[in-house]
């Protein structure tokens, strides 16, 4: 990863993930009661605001393992990959401007996704 990204922080991302022209950031918080050898994380998005800095966090997932995985921004979605060796473990969340929330993106064309929770 270091060759590809240089200085690499796997649990902190920044980018305009809700496509409003303002920088946002995504954090993976380690649960304090986790085993240090296999920690559990909560993934939280903080949307930027030109007026007030950053808004309250929105939890995308809780209790996810990233010990063998990664957190990434891919164009207009946040990608959580618990296991890099398992391509099917990718989970994507995308901002839905009509719902004003992040939705879980499914590959099924007929499924409209589920919203993430606001804190």
PDB file of N, CA and C in Angstrom:
ATOM      1  N   UNK A   1       0.820  -1.194   0.000  1.00  0.00           N
ATOM      2  CA  UNK A   1       0.000   0.000   0.000  1.00  0.00           C
ATOM      3  C   UNK A   1       0.864   1.258   0.000  1.00  0.00           C
ATOM      4  N   UNK A   2       1.962   1.224   0.721  1.00  0.00           N
ATOM      5  CA  UNK A   2       2.804   2.405   0.806  1.00  0.00           C
ATOM      6  C   UNK A   2       3.365   2.776  -0.559  1.00  0.00           C
ATOM      7  N   UNK A   3       3.722   1.778  -1.386  1.00  0.00           N
ATOM      8  CA  UNK A   3       4.226   2.072  -2.734  1.00  0.00           C
ATOM      9  C   UNK A   3       3.153   2.763  -3.578  1.00  0.00           C
ATOM     10  N   UNK A   4       1.932   2.297  -3.428  1.00  0.00           N
ATOM     11  CA  UNK A   4       0.836   2.827  -4.230  1.00  0.00           C
ATOM     12  C   UNK A   4       0.403   4.210  -3.770  1.00  0.00           C
ATOM     13  N   UNK A   5       0.252   4.407  -2.454  1.00  0.00           N
ATOM     14  CA  UNK A   5      -0.316   5.640  -1.928  1.00  0.00           C
ATOM     15  C   UNK A   5       0.689   6.590  -1.274  1.00  0.00           C
ATOM     16  N   UNK A   6       1.919   6.167  -1.047  1.00  0.00           N
ATOM     17  CA  UNK A   6       2.860   6.998  -0.302  1.00  0.00           C
ATOM     18  C   UNK A   6       2.541   6.895   1.168  1.00  0.00           C
ATOM     19  N   UNK A   7       2.265   8.024   1.815  1.00  0.00           N
ATOM     20  CA  UNK A   7       1.826   7.988   3.209  1.00  0.00           C
ATOM     21  C   UNK A   7       0.393   7.493   3.211  1.00  0.00           C
ATOM     22  N   UNK A   8       0.158   6.391   3.870  1.00  0.00           N
ATOM     23  CA  UNK A   8      -1.127   5.706   3.779  1.00  0.00           C
ATOM     24  C   UNK A   8      -1.798   5.643   5.139  1.00  0.00           C
ATOM     25  N   UNK A   9      -2.979   6.191   5.242  1.00  0.00           N
ATOM     26  CA  UNK A   9      -3.778   6.132   6.465  1.00  0.00           C
ATOM     27  C   UNK A   9      -5.043   5.340   6.129  1.00  0.00           C
ATOM     28  N   UNK A  10      -5.069   4.045   6.428  1.00  0.00           N
ATOM     29  CA  UNK A  10      -6.167   3.205   5.971  1.00  0.00           C
ATOM     30  C   UNK A  10      -7.511   3.476   6.637  1.00  0.00           C
ATOM     31  N   UNK A  11      -7.530   4.245   7.720  1.00  0.00           N
ATOM     32  CA  UNK A  11      -8.786   4.434   8.439  1.00  0.00           C
ATOM     33  C   UNK A  11      -9.249   5.881   8.435  1.00  0.00           C
ATOM     34  N   UNK A  12      -8.729   6.675   7.507  1.00  0.00           N
ATOM     35  CA  UNK A  12      -9.137   8.060   7.346  1.00  0.00           C
ATOM     36  C   UNK A  12      -9.169   8.376   5.859  1.00  0.00           C
ATOM     37  N   UNK A  13     -10.295   8.869   5.384  1.00  0.00           N
ATOM     38  CA  UNK A  13     -10.439   9.241   3.977  1.00  0.00           C
ATOM     39  C   UNK A  13     -11.021  10.636   3.890  1.00  0.00           C
ATOM     40  N   UNK A  14     -10.692  11.308   2.831  1.00  0.00           N
ATOM     41  CA  UNK A  14     -11.333  12.589   2.586  1.00  0.00           C
ATOM     42  C   UNK A  14     -11.678  12.693   1.108  1.00  0.00           C
ATOM     43  N   UNK A  15     -12.704  13.440   0.852  1.00  0.00           N
ATOM     44  CA  UNK A  15     -13.179  13.636  -0.508  1.00  0.00           C
ATOM     45  C   UNK A  15     -14.580  14.205  -0.457  1.00  0.00           C
ATOM     46  N   UNK A  16     -15.106  14.565  -1.587  1.00  0.00           N
ATOM     47  CA  UNK A  16     -16.473  15.090  -1.654  1.00  0.00           C
ATOM     48  C   UNK A  16     -17.416  13.911  -1.883  1.00  0.00           C
ATOM     49  N   UNK A  17     -17.727  13.182  -0.821  1.00  0.00           N
ATOM     50  CA  UNK A  17     -18.503  11.948  -0.971  1.00  0.00           C
ATOM     51  C   UNK A  17     -19.992  12.167  -1.154  1.00  0.00           C
ATOM     52  N   UNK A  18     -20.488  13.376  -0.865  1.00  0.00           N
ATOM     53  CA  UNK A  18     -21.906  13.648  -1.109  1.00  0.00           C
ATOM     54  C   UNK A  18     -22.117  14.606  -2.275  1.00  0.00           C
ATOM     55  N   UNK A  19     -21.052  14.886  -3.029  1.00  0.00           N
ATOM     56  CA  UNK A  19     -21.119  15.627  -4.288  1.00  0.00           C
ATOM     57  C   UNK A  19     -21.741  17.021  -4.157  1.00  0.00           C
ATOM     58  N   UNK A  20     -21.395  17.726  -3.051  1.00  0.00           N
ATOM     59  CA  UNK A  20     -21.908  19.085  -2.889  1.00  0.00           C
ATOM     60  C   UNK A  20     -20.832  20.142  -3.072  1.00  0.00           C
ATOM     61  N   UNK A  21     -19.609  19.721  -3.462  1.00  0.00           N
ATOM     62  CA  UNK A  21     -18.520  20.653  -3.690  1.00  0.00           C
ATOM     63  C   UNK A  21     -17.725  21.009  -2.446  1.00  0.00           C
ATOM     64  N   UNK A  22     -18.065  20.413  -1.294  1.00  0.00           N
ATOM     65  CA  UNK A  22     -17.377  20.679  -0.034  1.00  0.00           C
ATOM     66  C   UNK A  22     -16.708  19.390   0.437  1.00  0.00           C
ATOM     67  N   UNK A  23     -15.485  19.513   0.930  1.00  0.00           N
ATOM     68  CA  UNK A  23     -14.725  18.353   1.386  1.00  0.00           C
ATOM     69  C   UNK A  23     -15.388  17.679   2.587  1.00  0.00           C
ATOM     70  N   UNK A  24     -15.516  16.357   2.540  1.00  0.00           N
ATOM     71  CA  UNK A  24     -16.055  15.533   3.620  1.00  0.00           C
ATOM     72  C   UNK A  24     -14.944  14.598   4.072  1.00  0.00           C
ATOM     73  N   UNK A  25     -15.154  13.898   5.206  1.00  0.00           N
ATOM     74  CA  UNK A  25     -14.199  12.867   5.581  1.00  0.00           C
ATOM     75  C   UNK A  25     -14.894  11.673   6.195  1.00  0.00           C
ATOM     76  N   UNK A  26     -14.217  10.540   6.081  1.00  0.00           N
ATOM     77  CA  UNK A  26     -14.731   9.260   6.572  1.00  0.00           C
ATOM     78  C   UNK A  26     -13.695   8.713   7.542  1.00  0.00           C
ATOM     79  N   UNK A  27     -14.160   8.269   8.705  1.00  0.00           N
ATOM     80  CA  UNK A  27     -13.263   7.693   9.708  1.00  0.00           C
ATOM     81  C   UNK A  27     -13.724   6.293  10.089  1.00  0.00           C
ATOM     82  N   UNK A  28     -12.746   5.459  10.391  1.00  0.00           N
ATOM     83  CA  UNK A  28     -13.023   4.146  10.965  1.00  0.00           C
ATOM     84  C   UNK A  28     -12.531   4.204  12.407  1.00  0.00           C
ATOM     85  N   UNK A  29     -13.467   4.234  13.352  1.00  0.00           N
ATOM     86  CA  UNK A  29     -13.137   4.289  14.772  1.00  0.00           C
ATOM     87  C   UNK A  29     -12.969   2.883  15.321  1.00  0.00           C
ATOM     88  N   UNK A  30     -11.921   2.673  16.098  1.00  0.00           N
ATOM     89  CA  UNK A  30     -11.688   1.374  16.735  1.00  0.00           C
ATOM     90  C   UNK A  30     -12.523   1.304  18.013  1.00  0.00           C
ATOM     91  N   UNK A  31     -13.235   0.197  18.174  1.00  0.00           N
ATOM     92  CA  UNK A  31     -13.965  -0.011  19.424  1.00  0.00           C
ATOM     93  C   UNK A  31     -12.974  -0.218  20.561  1.00  0.00           C
ATOM     94  N   UNK A  32     -13.172   0.464  21.652  1.00  0.00           N
ATOM     95  CA  UNK A  32     -12.250   0.379  22.787  1.00  0.00           C
ATOM     96  C   UNK A  32     -12.206  -1.008  23.409  1.00  0.00           C
ATOM     97  N   UNK A  33     -13.298  -1.727  23.352  1.00  0.00           N
ATOM     98  CA  UNK A  33     -13.329  -3.053  23.979  1.00  0.00           C
ATOM     99  C   UNK A  33     -12.903  -4.163  23.021  1.00  0.00           C
ATOM    100  N   UNK A  34     -12.318  -3.788  21.878  1.00  0.00           N
ATOM    101  CA  UNK A  34     -11.865  -4.769  20.888  1.00  0.00           C
ATOM    102  C   UNK A  34     -10.570  -5.432  21.319  1.00  0.00           C
ATOM    103  N   UNK A  35     -10.368  -6.630  20.806  1.00  0.00           N
ATOM    104  CA  UNK A  35      -9.105  -7.324  20.975  1.00  0.00           C
ATOM    105  C   UNK A  35      -8.065  -6.599  20.117  1.00  0.00           C
ATOM    106  N   UNK A  36      -6.906  -6.231  20.675  1.00  0.00           N
ATOM    107  CA  UNK A  36      -5.902  -5.508  19.884  1.00  0.00           C
ATOM    108  C   UNK A  36      -5.420  -6.279  18.648  1.00  0.00           C
ATOM    109  N   UNK A  37      -5.493  -7.600  18.684  1.00  0.00           N
ATOM    110  CA  UNK A  37      -5.052  -8.398  17.541  1.00  0.00           C
ATOM    111  C   UNK A  37      -6.095  -8.479  16.433  1.00  0.00           C
ATOM    112  N   UNK A  38      -7.353  -8.251  16.760  1.00  0.00           N
ATOM    113  CA  UNK A  38      -8.413  -8.270  15.749  1.00  0.00           C
ATOM    114  C   UNK A  38      -9.480  -7.238  16.131  1.00  0.00           C
ATOM    115  N   UNK A  39      -9.167  -5.949  15.931  1.00  0.00           N
ATOM    116  CA  UNK A  39     -10.075  -4.886  16.361  1.00  0.00           C
ATOM    117  C   UNK A  39     -11.343  -4.799  15.511  1.00  0.00           C
ATOM    118  N   UNK A  40     -12.397  -4.256  16.126  1.00  0.00           N
ATOM    119  CA  UNK A  40     -13.663  -3.979  15.448  1.00  0.00           C
ATOM    120  C   UNK A  40     -13.780  -2.477  15.264  1.00  0.00           C
ATOM    121  N   UNK A  41     -14.354  -2.083  14.131  1.00  0.00           N
ATOM    122  CA  UNK A  41     -14.441  -0.675  13.768  1.00  0.00           C
ATOM    123  C   UNK A  41     -15.885  -0.243  13.530  1.00  0.00           C
ATOM    124  N   UNK A  42     -16.111   1.052  13.683  1.00  0.00           N
ATOM    125  CA  UNK A  42     -17.339   1.703  13.237  1.00  0.00           C
ATOM    126  C   UNK A  42     -16.929   2.697  12.159  1.00  0.00           C
ATOM    127  N   UNK A  43     -17.650   2.699  11.042  1.00  0.00           N
ATOM    128  CA  UNK A  43     -17.351   3.584   9.917  1.00  0.00           C
ATOM    129  C   UNK A  43     -18.327   4.758   9.968  1.00  0.00           C
ATOM    130  N   UNK A  44     -17.772   5.974  10.027  1.00  0.00           N
ATOM    131  CA  UNK A  44     -18.586   7.181  10.192  1.00  0.00           C
ATOM    132  C   UNK A  44     -18.184   8.221   9.147  1.00  0.00           C
ATOM    133  N   UNK A  45     -19.195   8.871   8.540  1.00  0.00           N
ATOM    134  CA  UNK A  45     -18.973   9.930   7.553  1.00  0.00           C
ATOM    135  C   UNK A  45     -19.327  11.271   8.194  1.00  0.00           C
ATOM    136  N   UNK A  46     -18.457  12.261   7.981  1.00  0.00           N
ATOM    137  CA  UNK A  46     -18.713  13.623   8.432  1.00  0.00           C
ATOM    138  C   UNK A  46     -18.776  14.507   7.189  1.00  0.00           C
ATOM    139  N   UNK A  47     -19.963  15.032   6.915  1.00  0.00           N
ATOM    140  CA  UNK A  47     -20.140  15.888   5.744  1.00  0.00           C
ATOM    141  C   UNK A  47     -19.656  17.301   6.047  1.00  0.00           C
ATOM    142  N   UNK A  48     -18.898  17.849   5.103  1.00  0.00           N
ATOM    143  CA  UNK A  48     -18.407  19.208   5.253  1.00  0.00           C
ATOM    144  C   UNK A  48     -19.495  20.225   4.980  1.00  0.00           C
ATOM    145  N   UNK A  49     -19.356  21.383   5.617  1.00  0.00           N
ATOM    146  CA  UNK A  49     -20.293  22.487   5.435  1.00  0.00           C
ATOM    147  C   UNK A  49     -19.497  23.771   5.336  1.00  0.00           C
ATOM    148  N   UNK A  50     -19.797  24.596   4.354  1.00  0.00           N
ATOM    149  CA  UNK A  50     -19.093  25.868   4.209  1.00  0.00           C
ATOM    150  C   UNK A  50     -19.378  26.791   5.386  1.00  0.00           C
ATOM    151  N   UNK A  51     -20.522  26.637   6.016  1.00  0.00           N
ATOM    152  CA  UNK A  51     -20.927  27.525   7.105  1.00  0.00           C
ATOM    153  C   UNK A  51     -20.420  27.071   8.470  1.00  0.00           C
ATOM    154  N   UNK A  52     -20.493  25.766   8.742  1.00  0.00           N
ATOM    155  CA  UNK A  52     -20.236  25.314  10.115  1.00  0.00           C
ATOM    156  C   UNK A  52     -19.147  24.251  10.252  1.00  0.00           C
ATOM    157  N   UNK A  53     -18.270  24.121   9.299  1.00  0.00           N
ATOM    158  CA  UNK A  53     -17.202  23.112   9.409  1.00  0.00           C
ATOM    159  C   UNK A  53     -17.688  21.748   8.969  1.00  0.00           C
ATOM    160  N   UNK A  54     -18.037  20.913   9.918  1.00  0.00           N
ATOM    161  CA  UNK A  54     -18.531  19.575   9.608  1.00  0.00           C
ATOM    162  C   UNK A  54     -19.793  19.297  10.398  1.00  0.00           C
ATOM    163  N   UNK A  55     -20.695  18.523   9.775  1.00  0.00           N
ATOM    164  CA  UNK A  55     -21.939  18.160  10.423  1.00  0.00           C
ATOM    165  C   UNK A  55     -21.749  16.969  11.345  1.00  0.00           C
ATOM    166  N   UNK A  56     -22.829  16.533  11.987  1.00  0.00           N
ATOM    167  CA  UNK A  56     -22.748  15.348  12.846  1.00  0.00           C
ATOM    168  C   UNK A  56     -22.403  14.115  12.020  1.00  0.00           C
ATOM    169  N   UNK A  57     -21.821  13.136  12.659  1.00  0.00           N
ATOM    170  CA  UNK A  57     -21.428  11.917  11.962  1.00  0.00           C
ATOM    171  C   UNK A  57     -22.609  11.051  11.576  1.00  0.00           C
ATOM    172  N   UNK A  58     -22.436  10.327  10.483  1.00  0.00           N
ATOM    173  CA  UNK A  58     -23.420   9.347  10.029  1.00  0.00           C
ATOM    174  C   UNK A  58     -22.739   7.983  10.038  1.00  0.00           C
ATOM    175  N   UNK A  59     -23.244   7.069  10.865  1.00  0.00           N
ATOM    176  CA  UNK A  59     -22.684   5.718  10.904  1.00  0.00           C
ATOM    177  C   UNK A  59     -23.116   4.962   9.653  1.00  0.00           C
ATOM    178  N   UNK A  60     -22.124   4.411   8.943  1.00  0.00           N
ATOM    179  CA  UNK A  60     -22.434   3.546   7.807  1.00  0.00           C
ATOM    180  C   UNK A  60     -22.503   2.099   8.270  1.00  0.00           C
ATOM    181  N   UNK A  61     -21.539   1.694   9.096  1.00  0.00           N
ATOM    182  CA  UNK A  61     -21.515   0.334   9.631  1.00  0.00           C
ATOM    183  C   UNK A  61     -20.892   0.360  11.011  1.00  0.00           C
ATOM    184  N   UNK A  62     -21.296  -0.594  11.821  1.00  0.00           N
ATOM    185  CA  UNK A  62     -20.716  -0.799  13.147  1.00  0.00           C
ATOM    186  C   UNK A  62     -20.200  -2.224  13.231  1.00  0.00           C
ATOM    187  N   UNK A  63     -19.181  -2.409  14.044  1.00  0.00           N
ATOM    188  CA  UNK A  63     -18.615  -3.749  14.290  1.00  0.00           C
ATOM    189  C   UNK A  63     -18.187  -4.439  13.001  1.00  0.00           C
ATOM    190  N   UNK A  64     -17.343  -3.785  12.252  1.00  0.00           N
ATOM    191  CA  UNK A  64     -16.781  -4.357  11.028  1.00  0.00           C
ATOM    192  C   UNK A  64     -15.281  -4.564  11.255  1.00  0.00           C
ATOM    193  N   UNK A  65     -14.767  -5.666  10.768  1.00  0.00           N
ATOM    194  CA  UNK A  65     -13.341  -5.946  10.872  1.00  0.00           C
ATOM    195  C   UNK A  65     -12.632  -5.399   9.635  1.00  0.00           C
ATOM    196  N   UNK A  66     -11.561  -4.658   9.863  1.00  0.00           N
ATOM    197  CA  UNK A  66     -10.753  -4.152   8.754  1.00  0.00           C
ATOM    198  C   UNK A  66      -9.317  -4.646   8.855  1.00  0.00           C
ATOM    199  N   UNK A  67      -9.079  -5.648   9.722  1.00  0.00           N
ATOM    200  CA  UNK A  67      -7.713  -6.151   9.920  1.00  0.00           C
ATOM    201  C   UNK A  67      -7.102  -6.648   8.612  1.00  0.00           C
ATOM    202  N   UNK A  68      -7.899  -7.254   7.757  1.00  0.00           N
ATOM    203  CA  UNK A  68      -7.441  -7.730   6.451  1.00  0.00           C
ATOM    204  C   UNK A  68      -8.112  -6.964   5.322  1.00  0.00           C
ATOM    205  N   UNK A  69      -8.638  -5.774   5.636  1.00  0.00           N
ATOM    206  CA  UNK A  69      -9.425  -5.060   4.647  1.00  0.00           C
ATOM    207  C   UNK A  69      -8.964  -3.645   4.408  1.00  0.00           C
ATOM    208  N   UNK A  70      -9.909  -2.837   3.895  1.00  0.00           N
ATOM    209  CA  UNK A  70      -9.585  -1.481   3.498  1.00  0.00           C
ATOM    210  C   UNK A  70     -10.854  -0.643   3.482  1.00  0.00           C
ATOM    211  N   UNK A  71     -10.647   0.643   3.515  1.00  0.00           N
ATOM    212  CA  UNK A  71     -11.701   1.631   3.403  1.00  0.00           C
ATOM    213  C   UNK A  71     -11.285   2.547   2.260  1.00  0.00           C
ATOM    214  N   UNK A  72     -12.193   2.832   1.314  1.00  0.00           N
ATOM    215  CA  UNK A  72     -11.816   3.617   0.144  1.00  0.00           C
ATOM    216  C   UNK A  72     -12.988   4.458  -0.352  1.00  0.00           C
ATOM    217  N   UNK A  73     -12.648   5.486  -1.131  1.00  0.00           N
ATOM    218  CA  UNK A  73     -13.645   6.273  -1.854  1.00  0.00           C
ATOM    219  C   UNK A  73     -13.434   5.979  -3.324  1.00  0.00           C
ATOM    220  N   UNK A  74     -14.492   5.538  -3.988  1.00  0.00           N
ATOM    221  CA  UNK A  74     -14.440   5.220  -5.407  1.00  0.00           C
ATOM    222  C   UNK A  74     -15.475   6.080  -6.122  1.00  0.00           C
ATOM    223  N   UNK A  75     -15.003   7.157  -6.724  1.00  0.00           N
ATOM    224  CA  UNK A  75     -15.858   8.141  -7.404  1.00  0.00           C
ATOM    225  C   UNK A  75     -16.913   8.682  -6.463  1.00  0.00           C
ATOM    226  N   UNK A  76     -18.140   8.180  -6.549  1.00  0.00           N
ATOM    227  CA  UNK A  76     -19.233   8.718  -5.743  1.00  0.00           C
ATOM    228  C   UNK A  76     -19.688   7.761  -4.654  1.00  0.00           C
ATOM    229  N   UNK A  77     -18.850   6.812  -4.262  1.00  0.00           N
ATOM    230  CA  UNK A  77     -19.265   5.888  -3.216  1.00  0.00           C
ATOM    231  C   UNK A  77     -18.131   5.598  -2.243  1.00  0.00           C
ATOM    232  N   UNK A  78     -18.525   5.224  -1.039  1.00  0.00           N
ATOM    233  CA  UNK A  78     -17.590   4.803   0.002  1.00  0.00           C
ATOM    234  C   UNK A  78     -17.578   3.291  -0.027  1.00  0.00           C
ATOM    235  N   UNK A  79     -16.397   2.711  -0.122  1.00  0.00           N
ATOM    236  CA  UNK A  79     -16.258   1.262  -0.249  1.00  0.00           C
ATOM    237  C   UNK A  79     -15.614   0.713   1.024  1.00  0.00           C
ATOM    238  N   UNK A  80     -16.317  -0.205   1.667  1.00  0.00           N
ATOM    239  CA  UNK A  80     -15.802  -0.895   2.848  1.00  0.00           C
ATOM    240  C   UNK A  80     -15.494  -2.319   2.425  1.00  0.00           C
ATOM    241  N   UNK A  81     -14.243  -2.730   2.594  1.00  0.00           N
ATOM    242  CA  UNK A  81     -13.813  -4.071   2.198  1.00  0.00           C
ATOM    243  C   UNK A  81     -13.201  -4.760   3.420  1.00  0.00           C
ATOM    244  N   UNK A  82     -13.966  -5.595   4.112  1.00  0.00           N
ATOM    245  CA  UNK A  82     -13.427  -6.277   5.292  1.00  0.00           C
ATOM    246  C   UNK A  82     -12.279  -7.239   4.979  1.00  0.00           C
ATOM    247  N   UNK A  83     -12.275  -7.819   3.783  1.00  0.00           N
ATOM    248  CA  UNK A  83     -11.238  -8.780   3.423  1.00  0.00           C
ATOM    249  C   UNK A  83     -10.813  -8.528   1.982  1.00  0.00           C
ATOM    250  N   UNK A  84      -9.578  -8.063   1.800  1.00  0.00           N
ATOM    251  CA  UNK A  84      -9.088  -7.736   0.460  1.00  0.00           C
ATOM    252  C   UNK A  84      -8.985  -8.949  -0.459  1.00  0.00           C
ATOM    253  N   UNK A  85      -8.871 -10.138   0.119  1.00  0.00           N
ATOM    254  CA  UNK A  85      -8.768 -11.348  -0.702  1.00  0.00           C
ATOM    255  C   UNK A  85     -10.118 -11.852  -1.183  1.00  0.00           C
ATOM    256  N   UNK A  86     -11.205 -11.315  -0.641  1.00  0.00           N
ATOM    257  CA  UNK A  86     -12.553 -11.732  -1.009  1.00  0.00           C
ATOM    258  C   UNK A  86     -13.264 -10.572  -1.699  1.00  0.00           C
ATOM    259  N   UNK A  87     -13.309 -10.596  -3.036  1.00  0.00           N
ATOM    260  CA  UNK A  87     -13.931  -9.514  -3.802  1.00  0.00           C
ATOM    261  C   UNK A  87     -15.408  -9.340  -3.472  1.00  0.00           C
ATOM    262  N   UNK A  88     -16.068 -10.402  -3.042  1.00  0.00           N
ATOM    263  CA  UNK A  88     -17.491 -10.328  -2.728  1.00  0.00           C
ATOM    264  C   UNK A  88     -17.768  -9.653  -1.388  1.00  0.00           C
ATOM    265  N   UNK A  89     -16.709  -9.317  -0.634  1.00  0.00           N
ATOM    266  CA  UNK A  89     -16.926  -8.699   0.672  1.00  0.00           C
ATOM    267  C   UNK A  89     -17.077  -7.179   0.583  1.00  0.00           C
ATOM    268  N   UNK A  90     -16.885  -6.593  -0.612  1.00  0.00           N
ATOM    269  CA  UNK A  90     -17.043  -5.142  -0.782  1.00  0.00           C
ATOM    270  C   UNK A  90     -18.465  -4.712  -0.485  1.00  0.00           C
ATOM    271  N   UNK A  91     -18.572  -3.593   0.237  1.00  0.00           N
ATOM    272  CA  UNK A  91     -19.884  -2.991   0.482  1.00  0.00           C
ATOM    273  C   UNK A  91     -19.768  -1.512   0.135  1.00  0.00           C
ATOM    274  N   UNK A  92     -20.732  -1.021  -0.630  1.00  0.00           N
ATOM    275  CA  UNK A  92     -20.702   0.364  -1.099  1.00  0.00           C
ATOM    276  C   UNK A  92     -21.866   1.157  -0.520  1.00  0.00           C
ATOM    277  N   UNK A  93     -21.555   2.407  -0.197  1.00  0.00           N
ATOM    278  CA  UNK A  93     -22.568   3.349   0.261  1.00  0.00           C
ATOM    279  C   UNK A  93     -22.446   4.602  -0.592  1.00  0.00           C
ATOM    280  N   UNK A  94     -23.575   5.134  -0.991  1.00  0.00           N
ATOM    281  CA  UNK A  94     -23.614   6.309  -1.860  1.00  0.00           C
ATOM    282  C   UNK A  94     -24.617   7.312  -1.293  1.00  0.00           C
ATOM    283  N   UNK A  95     -24.302   8.591  -1.445  1.00  0.00           N
ATOM    284  CA  UNK A  95     -25.207   9.648  -0.993  1.00  0.00           C
ATOM    285  C   UNK A  95     -26.424   9.686  -1.901  1.00  0.00           C
ATOM    286  N   UNK A  96     -27.609   9.697  -1.301  1.00  0.00           N
ATOM    287  CA  UNK A  96     -28.858   9.810  -2.048  1.00  0.00           C
ATOM    288  C   UNK A  96     -29.433  11.193  -1.755  1.00  0.00           C
ATOM    289  N   UNK A  97     -29.385  12.117  -2.727  1.00  0.00           N
ATOM    290  CA  UNK A  97     -29.846  13.484  -2.472  1.00  0.00           C
ATOM    291  C   UNK A  97     -31.345  13.585  -2.207  1.00  0.00           C
ATOM    292  N   UNK A  98     -32.124  12.627  -2.670  1.00  0.00           N
ATOM    293  CA  UNK A  98     -33.572  12.663  -2.430  1.00  0.00           C
ATOM    294  C   UNK A  98     -33.912  12.257  -1.002  1.00  0.00           C
ATOM    295  N   UNK A  99     -33.167  11.307  -0.460  1.00  0.00           N
ATOM    296  CA  UNK A  99     -33.389  10.849   0.927  1.00  0.00           C
ATOM    297  C   UNK A  99     -32.563  11.651   1.932  1.00  0.00           C
ATOM    298  N   UNK A 100     -31.596  12.399   1.432  1.00  0.00           N
ATOM    299  CA  UNK A 100     -30.664  13.135   2.279  1.00  0.00           C
ATOM    300  C   UNK A 100     -29.960  12.214   3.270  1.00  0.00           C
ATOM    301  N   UNK A 101     -29.512  11.072   2.756  1.00  0.00           N
ATOM    302  CA  UNK A 101     -28.798  10.103   3.587  1.00  0.00           C
ATOM    303  C   UNK A 101     -27.961   9.198   2.686  1.00  0.00           C
ATOM    304  N   UNK A 102     -27.080   8.446   3.316  1.00  0.00           N
ATOM    305  CA  UNK A 102     -26.287   7.456   2.581  1.00  0.00           C
ATOM    306  C   UNK A 102     -27.095   6.177   2.480  1.00  0.00           C
ATOM    307  N   UNK A 103     -27.019   5.541   1.321  1.00  0.00           N
ATOM    308  CA  UNK A 103     -27.745   4.295   1.111  1.00  0.00           C
ATOM    309  C   UNK A 103     -26.752   3.194   0.750  1.00  0.00           C
ATOM    310  N   UNK A 104     -27.065   2.011   1.184  1.00  0.00           N
ATOM    311  CA  UNK A 104     -26.284   0.834   0.837  1.00  0.00           C
ATOM    312  C   UNK A 104     -26.607   0.508  -0.611  1.00  0.00           C
ATOM    313  N   UNK A 105     -25.600   0.394  -1.443  1.00  0.00           N
ATOM    314  CA  UNK A 105     -25.793   0.151  -2.863  1.00  0.00           C
ATOM    315  C   UNK A 105     -25.725  -1.345  -3.116  1.00  0.00           C
ATOM    316  N   UNK A 106     -26.800  -1.868  -3.631  1.00  0.00           N
ATOM    317  CA  UNK A 106     -26.862  -3.292  -3.961  1.00  0.00           C
ATOM    318  C   UNK A 106     -26.697  -3.464  -5.457  1.00  0.00           C
ATOM    319  N   UNK A 107     -26.207  -4.625  -5.843  1.00  0.00           N
ATOM    320  CA  UNK A 107     -26.070  -4.922  -7.267  1.00  0.00           C
ATOM    321  C   UNK A 107     -27.410  -5.231  -7.910  1.00  0.00           C
ATOM    322  N   UNK A 108     -28.419  -5.587  -7.082  1.00  0.00           N
ATOM    323  CA  UNK A 108     -29.741  -5.902  -7.616  1.00  0.00           C
ATOM    324  C   UNK A 108     -30.396  -4.632  -8.128  1.00  0.00           C
ATOM    325  N   UNK A 109     -30.815  -4.627  -9.375  1.00  0.00           N
ATOM    326  CA  UNK A 109     -31.418  -3.438  -9.984  1.00  0.00           C
ATOM    327  C   UNK A 109     -32.728  -3.055  -9.320  1.00  0.00           C
ATOM    328  N   UNK A 110     -33.498  -4.007  -8.809  1.00  0.00           N
ATOM    329  CA  UNK A 110     -34.799  -3.723  -8.232  1.00  0.00           C
ATOM    330  C   UNK A 110     -34.757  -3.297  -6.788  1.00  0.00           C
ATOM    331  N   UNK A 111     -33.617  -3.373  -6.123  1.00  0.00           N
ATOM    332  CA  UNK A 111     -33.540  -3.042  -4.711  1.00  0.00           C
ATOM    333  C   UNK A 111     -33.097  -1.593  -4.559  1.00  0.00           C
ATOM    334  N   UNK A 112     -33.821  -0.811  -3.760  1.00  0.00           N
ATOM    335  CA  UNK A 112     -33.494   0.595  -3.626  1.00  0.00           C
ATOM    336  C   UNK A 112     -32.555   0.887  -2.462  1.00  0.00           C
ATOM    337  N   UNK A 113     -32.030  -0.116  -1.786  1.00  0.00           N
ATOM    338  CA  UNK A 113     -31.035   0.079  -0.731  1.00  0.00           C
ATOM    339  C   UNK A 113     -31.672   0.399   0.604  1.00  0.00           C
ATOM    340  N   UNK A 114     -30.824   0.475   1.625  1.00  0.00           N
ATOM    341  CA  UNK A 114     -31.263   0.784   2.967  1.00  0.00           C
ATOM    342  C   UNK A 114     -30.464   1.984   3.453  1.00  0.00           C
ATOM    343  N   UNK A 115     -31.076   2.855   4.228  1.00  0.00           N
ATOM    344  CA  UNK A 115     -30.377   4.041   4.676  1.00  0.00           C
ATOM    345  C   UNK A 115     -29.450   3.738   5.832  1.00  0.00           C
ATOM    346  N   UNK A 116     -28.430   4.546   5.965  1.00  0.00           N
ATOM    347  CA  UNK A 116     -27.511   4.458   7.097  1.00  0.00           C
ATOM    348  C   UNK A 116     -28.062   5.365   8.207  1.00  0.00           C
ATOM    349  N   UNK A 117     -27.585   5.185   9.432  1.00  0.00           N
ATOM    350  CA  UNK A 117     -28.138   5.930  10.559  1.00  0.00           C
ATOM    351  C   UNK A 117     -27.372   7.204  10.838  1.00  0.00           C
ATOM    352  N   UNK A 118     -28.077   8.244  11.240  1.00  0.00           N
ATOM    353  CA  UNK A 118     -27.494   9.534  11.597  1.00  0.00           C
ATOM    354  C   UNK A 118     -27.266   9.564  13.098  1.00  0.00           C
ATOM    355  N   UNK A 119     -26.135  10.156  13.528  1.00  0.00           N
ATOM    356  CA  UNK A 119     -25.874  10.270  14.971  1.00  0.00           C
ATOM    357  C   UNK A 119     -26.224  11.637  15.466  1.00  0.00           C
TER     358      UNK A 119
END
